[in-house]
Amino acid sequence: MPNIKPISDLRNYTEVLHDVAVGSPVFLTKNGRGKYAILDMQDYEKTQATLRLMNELAKGKRSGEAEGWLSAGEVKAHFRARADEE
């Protein structure tokens, strides 16, 4: 269940920060509407890594659509040739 608190609870910020844990962000509301999220650094870094991965996958998809896709055999041959070079 999400941990939702009014922003006025930040007056006692140590209590609010105590409730923040990995996988358990605290959502702050202002005038009854969601305004901010406080999350653990590990969750933040995971989110950033996920965004970078999704961007790279999207670039790969666009490249495949524009330049054509490789078959599984072509990919294997490419990596075998690179392994032989080393």
PDB file of N, CA and C in Angstrom:
ATOM      1  N   MET A   1       0.851  -1.182   0.000  1.00  0.00           N
ATOM      2  CA  MET A   1       0.000   0.000   0.000  1.00  0.00           C
ATOM      3  C   MET A   1       0.895   1.242   0.000  1.00  0.00           C
ATOM      4  N   PRO A   2       0.594   2.214  -0.855  1.00  0.00           N
ATOM      5  CA  PRO A   2       1.452   3.395  -0.941  1.00  0.00           C
ATOM      6  C   PRO A   2       1.450   4.187   0.369  1.00  0.00           C
ATOM      7  N   ASN A   3       2.607   4.781   0.650  1.00  0.00           N
ATOM      8  CA  ASN A   3       2.763   5.607   1.835  1.00  0.00           C
ATOM      9  C   ASN A   3       2.559   7.057   1.410  1.00  0.00           C
ATOM     10  N   ILE A   4       1.388   7.602   1.716  1.00  0.00           N
ATOM     11  CA  ILE A   4       1.018   8.949   1.283  1.00  0.00           C
ATOM     12  C   ILE A   4       0.887   9.838   2.511  1.00  0.00           C
ATOM     13  N   LYS A   5       1.525  10.992   2.456  1.00  0.00           N
ATOM     14  CA  LYS A   5       1.505  11.926   3.581  1.00  0.00           C
ATOM     15  C   LYS A   5       1.318  13.345   3.053  1.00  0.00           C
ATOM     16  N   PRO A   6       0.683  14.201   3.836  1.00  0.00           N
ATOM     17  CA  PRO A   6       0.609  15.608   3.430  1.00  0.00           C
ATOM     18  C   PRO A   6       1.979  16.261   3.558  1.00  0.00           C
ATOM     19  N   ILE A   7       2.230  17.226   2.726  1.00  0.00           N
ATOM     20  CA  ILE A   7       3.538  17.890   2.729  1.00  0.00           C
ATOM     21  C   ILE A   7       3.810  18.570   4.068  1.00  0.00           C
ATOM     22  N   SER A   8       2.771  18.918   4.792  1.00  0.00           N
ATOM     23  CA  SER A   8       2.957  19.550   6.101  1.00  0.00           C
ATOM     24  C   SER A   8       3.671  18.620   7.084  1.00  0.00           C
ATOM     25  N   ASP A   9       3.643  17.306   6.831  1.00  0.00           N
ATOM     26  CA  ASP A   9       4.363  16.360   7.691  1.00  0.00           C
ATOM     27  C   ASP A   9       5.872  16.553   7.621  1.00  0.00           C
ATOM     28  N   LEU A  10       6.348  17.312   6.628  1.00  0.00           N
ATOM     29  CA  LEU A  10       7.790  17.548   6.525  1.00  0.00           C
ATOM     30  C   LEU A  10       8.313  18.425   7.662  1.00  0.00           C
ATOM     31  N   ARG A  11       7.405  19.011   8.437  1.00  0.00           N
ATOM     32  CA  ARG A  11       7.863  19.758   9.611  1.00  0.00           C
ATOM     33  C   ARG A  11       8.672  18.835  10.520  1.00  0.00           C
ATOM     34  N   ASN A  12       8.265  17.575  10.550  1.00  0.00           N
ATOM     35  CA  ASN A  12       9.008  16.560  11.294  1.00  0.00           C
ATOM     36  C   ASN A  12       9.600  15.605  10.257  1.00  0.00           C
ATOM     37  N   TYR A  13      10.556  16.118   9.491  1.00  0.00           N
ATOM     38  CA  TYR A  13      11.073  15.374   8.343  1.00  0.00           C
ATOM     39  C   TYR A  13      11.766  14.078   8.717  1.00  0.00           C
ATOM     40  N   THR A  14      12.316  13.984   9.914  1.00  0.00           N
ATOM     41  CA  THR A  14      12.988  12.728  10.283  1.00  0.00           C
ATOM     42  C   THR A  14      12.000  11.573  10.317  1.00  0.00           C
ATOM     43  N   GLU A  15      10.773  11.832  10.736  1.00  0.00           N
ATOM     44  CA  GLU A  15       9.753  10.775  10.736  1.00  0.00           C
ATOM     45  C   GLU A  15       9.392  10.371   9.308  1.00  0.00           C
ATOM     46  N   VAL A  16       9.273  11.356   8.422  1.00  0.00           N
ATOM     47  CA  VAL A  16       8.948  11.068   7.022  1.00  0.00           C
ATOM     48  C   VAL A  16      10.077  10.265   6.395  1.00  0.00           C
ATOM     49  N   LEU A  17      11.318  10.681   6.619  1.00  0.00           N
ATOM     50  CA  LEU A  17      12.454   9.975   6.038  1.00  0.00           C
ATOM     51  C   LEU A  17      12.598   8.570   6.614  1.00  0.00           C
ATOM     52  N   HIS A  18      12.190   8.381   7.846  1.00  0.00           N
ATOM     53  CA  HIS A  18      12.237   7.054   8.464  1.00  0.00           C
ATOM     54  C   HIS A  18      11.336   6.067   7.705  1.00  0.00           C
ATOM     55  N   ASP A  19      10.258   6.585   7.104  1.00  0.00           N
ATOM     56  CA  ASP A  19       9.315   5.729   6.374  1.00  0.00           C
ATOM     57  C   ASP A  19       9.781   5.378   4.965  1.00  0.00           C
ATOM     58  N   VAL A  20      10.799   6.064   4.467  1.00  0.00           N
ATOM     59  CA  VAL A  20      11.323   5.785   3.124  1.00  0.00           C
ATOM     60  C   VAL A  20      12.221   4.559   3.199  1.00  0.00           C
ATOM     61  N   ALA A  21      11.987   3.601   2.311  1.00  0.00           N
ATOM     62  CA  ALA A  21      12.813   2.392   2.263  1.00  0.00           C
ATOM     63  C   ALA A  21      12.898   1.934   0.813  1.00  0.00           C
ATOM     64  N   VAL A  22      13.815   1.002   0.555  1.00  0.00           N
ATOM     65  CA  VAL A  22      13.936   0.438  -0.792  1.00  0.00           C
ATOM     66  C   VAL A  22      12.593  -0.182  -1.159  1.00  0.00           C
ATOM     67  N   GLY A  23      12.061   0.209  -2.287  1.00  0.00           N
ATOM     68  CA  GLY A  23      10.781  -0.319  -2.756  1.00  0.00           C
ATOM     69  C   GLY A  23       9.578   0.279  -2.062  1.00  0.00           C
ATOM     70  N   SER A  24       9.794   1.286  -1.217  1.00  0.00           N
ATOM     71  CA  SER A  24       8.696   1.893  -0.468  1.00  0.00           C
ATOM     72  C   SER A  24       8.873   3.408  -0.400  1.00  0.00           C
ATOM     73  N   PRO A  25       8.583   4.107  -1.495  1.00  0.00           N
ATOM     74  CA  PRO A  25       8.720   5.563  -1.475  1.00  0.00           C
ATOM     75  C   PRO A  25       7.608   6.205  -0.640  1.00  0.00           C
ATOM     76  N   VAL A  26       7.821   7.443  -0.266  1.00  0.00           N
ATOM     77  CA  VAL A  26       6.796   8.230   0.409  1.00  0.00           C
ATOM     78  C   VAL A  26       6.314   9.266  -0.593  1.00  0.00           C
ATOM     79  N   PHE A  27       5.007   9.346  -0.774  1.00  0.00           N
ATOM     80  CA  PHE A  27       4.409  10.312  -1.687  1.00  0.00           C
ATOM     81  C   PHE A  27       3.847  11.463  -0.862  1.00  0.00           C
ATOM     82  N   LEU A  28       4.205  12.679  -1.230  1.00  0.00           N
ATOM     83  CA  LEU A  28       3.740  13.860  -0.515  1.00  0.00           C
ATOM     84  C   LEU A  28       2.655  14.558  -1.318  1.00  0.00           C
ATOM     85  N   THR A  29       1.626  14.993  -0.614  1.00  0.00           N
ATOM     86  CA  THR A  29       0.523  15.682  -1.274  1.00  0.00           C
ATOM     87  C   THR A  29       0.512  17.144  -0.863  1.00  0.00           C
ATOM     88  N   LYS A  30       0.006  17.963  -1.753  1.00  0.00           N
ATOM     89  CA  LYS A  30      -0.186  19.386  -1.476  1.00  0.00           C
ATOM     90  C   LYS A  30      -1.604  19.712  -1.905  1.00  0.00           C
ATOM     91  N   ASN A  31      -2.379  20.224  -0.992  1.00  0.00           N
ATOM     92  CA  ASN A  31      -3.799  20.509  -1.246  1.00  0.00           C
ATOM     93  C   ASN A  31      -4.539  19.269  -1.730  1.00  0.00           C
ATOM     94  N   GLY A  32      -4.175  18.108  -1.177  1.00  0.00           N
ATOM     95  CA  GLY A  32      -4.875  16.863  -1.496  1.00  0.00           C
ATOM     96  C   GLY A  32      -4.468  16.208  -2.803  1.00  0.00           C
ATOM     97  N   ARG A  33      -3.505  16.761  -3.489  1.00  0.00           N
ATOM     98  CA  ARG A  33      -3.058  16.201  -4.768  1.00  0.00           C
ATOM     99  C   ARG A  33      -1.593  15.791  -4.676  1.00  0.00           C
ATOM    100  N   GLY A  34      -1.231  14.710  -5.362  1.00  0.00           N
ATOM    101  CA  GLY A  34       0.153  14.251  -5.373  1.00  0.00           C
ATOM    102  C   GLY A  34       1.076  15.320  -5.920  1.00  0.00           C
ATOM    103  N   LYS A  35       2.161  15.584  -5.221  1.00  0.00           N
ATOM    104  CA  LYS A  35       3.080  16.638  -5.649  1.00  0.00           C
ATOM    105  C   LYS A  35       4.525  16.150  -5.738  1.00  0.00           C
ATOM    106  N   TYR A  36       4.987  15.357  -4.750  1.00  0.00           N
ATOM    107  CA  TYR A  36       6.383  14.927  -4.701  1.00  0.00           C
ATOM    108  C   TYR A  36       6.471  13.461  -4.302  1.00  0.00           C
ATOM    109  N   ALA A  37       7.603  12.866  -4.628  1.00  0.00           N
ATOM    110  CA  ALA A  37       7.898  11.503  -4.181  1.00  0.00           C
ATOM    111  C   ALA A  37       9.305  11.508  -3.598  1.00  0.00           C
ATOM    112  N   ILE A  38       9.445  10.894  -2.443  1.00  0.00           N
ATOM    113  CA  ILE A  38      10.759  10.733  -1.827  1.00  0.00           C
ATOM    114  C   ILE A  38      11.078   9.249  -1.897  1.00  0.00           C
ATOM    115  N   LEU A  39      12.191   8.909  -2.564  1.00  0.00           N
ATOM    116  CA  LEU A  39      12.528   7.506  -2.691  1.00  0.00           C
ATOM    117  C   LEU A  39      13.969   7.246  -2.326  1.00  0.00           C
ATOM    118  N   ASP A  40      14.225   6.008  -1.983  1.00  0.00           N
ATOM    119  CA  ASP A  40      15.555   5.564  -1.619  1.00  0.00           C
ATOM    120  C   ASP A  40      16.479   5.713  -2.825  1.00  0.00           C
ATOM    121  N   MET A  41      17.748   6.009  -2.571  1.00  0.00           N
ATOM    122  CA  MET A  41      18.717   6.213  -3.653  1.00  0.00           C
ATOM    123  C   MET A  41      18.838   4.976  -4.538  1.00  0.00           C
ATOM    124  N   GLN A  42      18.755   3.799  -3.952  1.00  0.00           N
ATOM    125  CA  GLN A  42      18.839   2.560  -4.733  1.00  0.00           C
ATOM    126  C   GLN A  42      17.681   2.478  -5.732  1.00  0.00           C
ATOM    127  N   ASP A  43      16.489   2.865  -5.306  1.00  0.00           N
ATOM    128  CA  ASP A  43      15.344   2.876  -6.222  1.00  0.00           C
ATOM    129  C   ASP A  43      15.534   3.915  -7.326  1.00  0.00           C
ATOM    130  N   TYR A  44      16.066   5.076  -6.958  1.00  0.00           N
ATOM    131  CA  TYR A  44      16.312   6.127  -7.939  1.00  0.00           C
ATOM    132  C   TYR A  44      17.301   5.647  -9.004  1.00  0.00           C
ATOM    133  N   GLU A  45      18.415   5.051  -8.562  1.00  0.00           N
ATOM    134  CA  GLU A  45      19.427   4.564  -9.506  1.00  0.00           C
ATOM    135  C   GLU A  45      18.862   3.462 -10.397  1.00  0.00           C
ATOM    136  N   LYS A  46      18.037   2.592  -9.846  1.00  0.00           N
ATOM    137  CA  LYS A  46      17.413   1.533 -10.639  1.00  0.00           C
ATOM    138  C   LYS A  46      16.490   2.138 -11.699  1.00  0.00           C
ATOM    139  N   THR A  47      15.744   3.152 -11.316  1.00  0.00           N
ATOM    140  CA  THR A  47      14.845   3.823 -12.261  1.00  0.00           C
ATOM    141  C   THR A  47      15.646   4.479 -13.389  1.00  0.00           C
ATOM    142  N   GLN A  48      16.741   5.145 -13.048  1.00  0.00           N
ATOM    143  CA  GLN A  48      17.572   5.783 -14.060  1.00  0.00           C
ATOM    144  C   GLN A  48      18.182   4.750 -15.008  1.00  0.00           C
ATOM    145  N   ALA A  49      18.647   3.625 -14.469  1.00  0.00           N
ATOM    146  CA  ALA A  49      19.219   2.566 -15.306  1.00  0.00           C
ATOM    147  C   ALA A  49      18.148   1.983 -16.232  1.00  0.00           C
ATOM    148  N   THR A  50      16.939   1.838 -15.728  1.00  0.00           N
ATOM    149  CA  THR A  50      15.838   1.321 -16.547  1.00  0.00           C
ATOM    150  C   THR A  50      15.533   2.274 -17.695  1.00  0.00           C
ATOM    151  N   LEU A  51      15.515   3.564 -17.407  1.00  0.00           N
ATOM    152  CA  LEU A  51      15.268   4.563 -18.452  1.00  0.00           C
ATOM    153  C   LEU A  51      16.360   4.533 -19.522  1.00  0.00           C
ATOM    154  N   ARG A  52      17.634   4.418 -19.085  1.00  0.00           N
ATOM    155  CA  ARG A  52      18.730   4.335 -20.069  1.00  0.00           C
ATOM    156  C   ARG A  52      18.584   3.093 -20.940  1.00  0.00           C
ATOM    157  N   LEU A  53      18.243   1.958 -20.322  1.00  0.00           N
ATOM    158  CA  LEU A  53      18.061   0.715 -21.076  1.00  0.00           C
ATOM    159  C   LEU A  53      16.911   0.847 -22.065  1.00  0.00           C
ATOM    160  N   MET A  54      15.798   1.411 -21.634  1.00  0.00           N
ATOM    161  CA  MET A  54      14.643   1.570 -22.525  1.00  0.00           C
ATOM    162  C   MET A  54      14.993   2.482 -23.703  1.00  0.00           C
ATOM    163  N   ASN A  55      15.779   3.531 -23.449  1.00  0.00           N
ATOM    164  CA  ASN A  55      16.206   4.420 -24.542  1.00  0.00           C
ATOM    165  C   ASN A  55      17.091   3.686 -25.541  1.00  0.00           C
ATOM    166  N   GLU A  56      18.016   2.878 -25.039  1.00  0.00           N
ATOM    167  CA  GLU A  56      18.893   2.115 -25.939  1.00  0.00           C
ATOM    168  C   GLU A  56      18.088   1.096 -26.751  1.00  0.00           C
ATOM    169  N   LEU A  57      17.128   0.439 -26.119  1.00  0.00           N
ATOM    170  CA  LEU A  57      16.294  -0.519 -26.846  1.00  0.00           C
ATOM    171  C   LEU A  57      15.465   0.175 -27.923  1.00  0.00           C
ATOM    172  N   ALA A  58      14.962   1.373 -27.604  1.00  0.00           N
ATOM    173  CA  ALA A  58      14.188   2.133 -28.591  1.00  0.00           C
ATOM    174  C   ALA A  58      15.073   2.537 -29.769  1.00  0.00           C
ATOM    175  N   LYS A  59      16.323   2.944 -29.480  1.00  0.00           N
ATOM    176  CA  LYS A  59      17.250   3.288 -30.571  1.00  0.00           C
ATOM    177  C   LYS A  59      17.530   2.067 -31.443  1.00  0.00           C
ATOM    178  N   GLY A  60      17.708   0.911 -30.816  1.00  0.00           N
ATOM    179  CA  GLY A  60      17.933  -0.320 -31.570  1.00  0.00           C
ATOM    180  C   GLY A  60      16.746  -0.682 -32.441  1.00  0.00           C
ATOM    181  N   LYS A  61      15.554  -0.502 -31.907  1.00  0.00           N
ATOM    182  CA  LYS A  61      14.345  -0.802 -32.691  1.00  0.00           C
ATOM    183  C   LYS A  61      14.243   0.127 -33.897  1.00  0.00           C
ATOM    184  N   ARG A  62      14.476   1.433 -33.655  1.00  0.00           N
ATOM    185  CA  ARG A  62      14.431   2.384 -34.782  1.00  0.00           C
ATOM    186  C   ARG A  62      15.480   2.041 -35.826  1.00  0.00           C
ATOM    187  N   SER A  63      16.678   1.654 -35.386  1.00  0.00           N
ATOM    188  CA  SER A  63      17.746   1.278 -36.305  1.00  0.00           C
ATOM    189  C   SER A  63      17.351   0.047 -37.117  1.00  0.00           C
ATOM    190  N   GLY A  64      16.765  -0.930 -36.451  1.00  0.00           N
ATOM    191  CA  GLY A  64      16.330  -2.145 -37.150  1.00  0.00           C
ATOM    192  C   GLY A  64      15.252  -1.863 -38.179  1.00  0.00           C
ATOM    193  N   GLU A  65      14.345  -0.975 -37.820  1.00  0.00           N
ATOM    194  CA  GLU A  65      13.275  -0.625 -38.759  1.00  0.00           C
ATOM    195  C   GLU A  65      13.803   0.168 -39.948  1.00  0.00           C
ATOM    196  N   ALA A  66      14.807   1.021 -39.714  1.00  0.00           N
ATOM    197  CA  ALA A  66      15.340   1.858 -40.789  1.00  0.00           C
ATOM    198  C   ALA A  66      16.334   1.105 -41.663  1.00  0.00           C
ATOM    199  N   GLU A  67      17.194   0.298 -41.050  1.00  0.00           N
ATOM    200  CA  GLU A  67      18.282  -0.337 -41.790  1.00  0.00           C
ATOM    201  C   GLU A  67      18.066  -1.824 -42.026  1.00  0.00           C
ATOM    202  N   GLY A  68      17.019  -2.364 -41.461  1.00  0.00           N
ATOM    203  CA  GLY A  68      16.746  -3.791 -41.636  1.00  0.00           C
ATOM    204  C   GLY A  68      17.261  -4.596 -40.451  1.00  0.00           C
ATOM    205  N   TRP A  69      16.647  -5.730 -40.236  1.00  0.00           N
ATOM    206  CA  TRP A  69      16.975  -6.588 -39.103  1.00  0.00           C
ATOM    207  C   TRP A  69      17.978  -7.654 -39.518  1.00  0.00           C
ATOM    208  N   LEU A  70      18.766  -8.119 -38.569  1.00  0.00           N
ATOM    209  CA  LEU A  70      19.694  -9.219 -38.811  1.00  0.00           C
ATOM    210  C   LEU A  70      19.037 -10.518 -38.374  1.00  0.00           C
ATOM    211  N   SER A  71      19.339 -11.575 -39.093  1.00  0.00           N
ATOM    212  CA  SER A  71      18.841 -12.886 -38.678  1.00  0.00           C
ATOM    213  C   SER A  71      19.695 -13.385 -37.517  1.00  0.00           C
ATOM    214  N   ALA A  72      19.215 -14.399 -36.818  1.00  0.00           N
ATOM    215  CA  ALA A  72      19.976 -14.985 -35.708  1.00  0.00           C
ATOM    216  C   ALA A  72      21.313 -15.529 -36.209  1.00  0.00           C
ATOM    217  N   GLY A  73      21.322 -16.115 -37.391  1.00  0.00           N
ATOM    218  CA  GLY A  73      22.555 -16.643 -37.972  1.00  0.00           C
ATOM    219  C   GLY A  73      23.569 -15.548 -38.249  1.00  0.00           C
ATOM    220  N   GLU A  74      23.101 -14.412 -38.745  1.00  0.00           N
ATOM    221  CA  GLU A  74      24.004 -13.288 -39.018  1.00  0.00           C
ATOM    222  C   GLU A  74      24.614 -12.747 -37.721  1.00  0.00           C
ATOM    223  N   VAL A  75      23.820 -12.689 -36.665  1.00  0.00           N
ATOM    224  CA  VAL A  75      24.326 -12.210 -35.382  1.00  0.00           C
ATOM    225  C   VAL A  75      25.383 -13.173 -34.843  1.00  0.00           C
ATOM    226  N   LYS A  76      25.101 -14.472 -34.912  1.00  0.00           N
ATOM    227  CA  LYS A  76      26.067 -15.478 -34.451  1.00  0.00           C
ATOM    228  C   LYS A  76      27.359 -15.385 -35.245  1.00  0.00           C
ATOM    229  N   ALA A  77      27.254 -15.238 -36.549  1.00  0.00           N
ATOM    230  CA  ALA A  77      28.438 -15.148 -37.402  1.00  0.00           C
ATOM    231  C   ALA A  77      29.258 -13.907 -37.049  1.00  0.00           C
ATOM    232  N   HIS A  78      28.571 -12.815 -36.783  1.00  0.00           N
ATOM    233  CA  HIS A  78      29.260 -11.575 -36.413  1.00  0.00           C
ATOM    234  C   HIS A  78      30.077 -11.772 -35.143  1.00  0.00           C
ATOM    235  N   PHE A  79      29.462 -12.362 -34.118  1.00  0.00           N
ATOM    236  CA  PHE A  79      30.170 -12.535 -32.847  1.00  0.00           C
ATOM    237  C   PHE A  79      31.242 -13.617 -32.928  1.00  0.00           C
ATOM    238  N   ARG A  80      31.036 -14.624 -33.750  1.00  0.00           N
ATOM    239  CA  ARG A  80      32.096 -15.624 -33.944  1.00  0.00           C
ATOM    240  C   ARG A  80      33.312 -14.983 -34.605  1.00  0.00           C
ATOM    241  N   ALA A  81      33.086 -14.126 -35.591  1.00  0.00           N
ATOM    242  CA  ALA A  81      34.179 -13.455 -36.287  1.00  0.00           C
ATOM    243  C   ALA A  81      34.927 -12.531 -35.308  1.00  0.00           C
ATOM    244  N   ARG A  82      34.214 -11.866 -34.442  1.00  0.00           N
ATOM    245  CA  ARG A  82      34.871 -10.989 -33.452  1.00  0.00           C
ATOM    246  C   ARG A  82      35.674 -11.813 -32.454  1.00  0.00           C
ATOM    247  N   ALA A  83      35.161 -12.972 -32.074  1.00  0.00           N
ATOM    248  CA  ALA A  83      35.875 -13.820 -31.124  1.00  0.00           C
ATOM    249  C   ALA A  83      37.150 -14.376 -31.767  1.00  0.00           C
ATOM    250  N   ASP A  84      37.077 -14.668 -33.054  1.00  0.00           N
ATOM    251  CA  ASP A  84      38.256 -15.193 -33.757  1.00  0.00           C
ATOM    252  C   ASP A  84      39.344 -14.123 -33.895  1.00  0.00           C
ATOM    253  N   GLU A  85      38.947 -12.856 -33.955  1.00  0.00           N
ATOM    254  CA  GLU A  85      39.907 -11.764 -34.082  1.00  0.00           C
ATOM    255  C   GLU A  85      40.728 -11.593 -32.807  1.00  0.00           C
ATOM    256  N   GLU A  86      40.168 -11.956 -31.678  1.00  0.00           N
ATOM    257  CA  GLU A  86      40.847 -11.744 -30.395  1.00  0.00           C
ATOM    258  C   GLU A  86      41.780 -12.813 -30.105  1.00  0.00           C
TER     259      GLU A  86
END
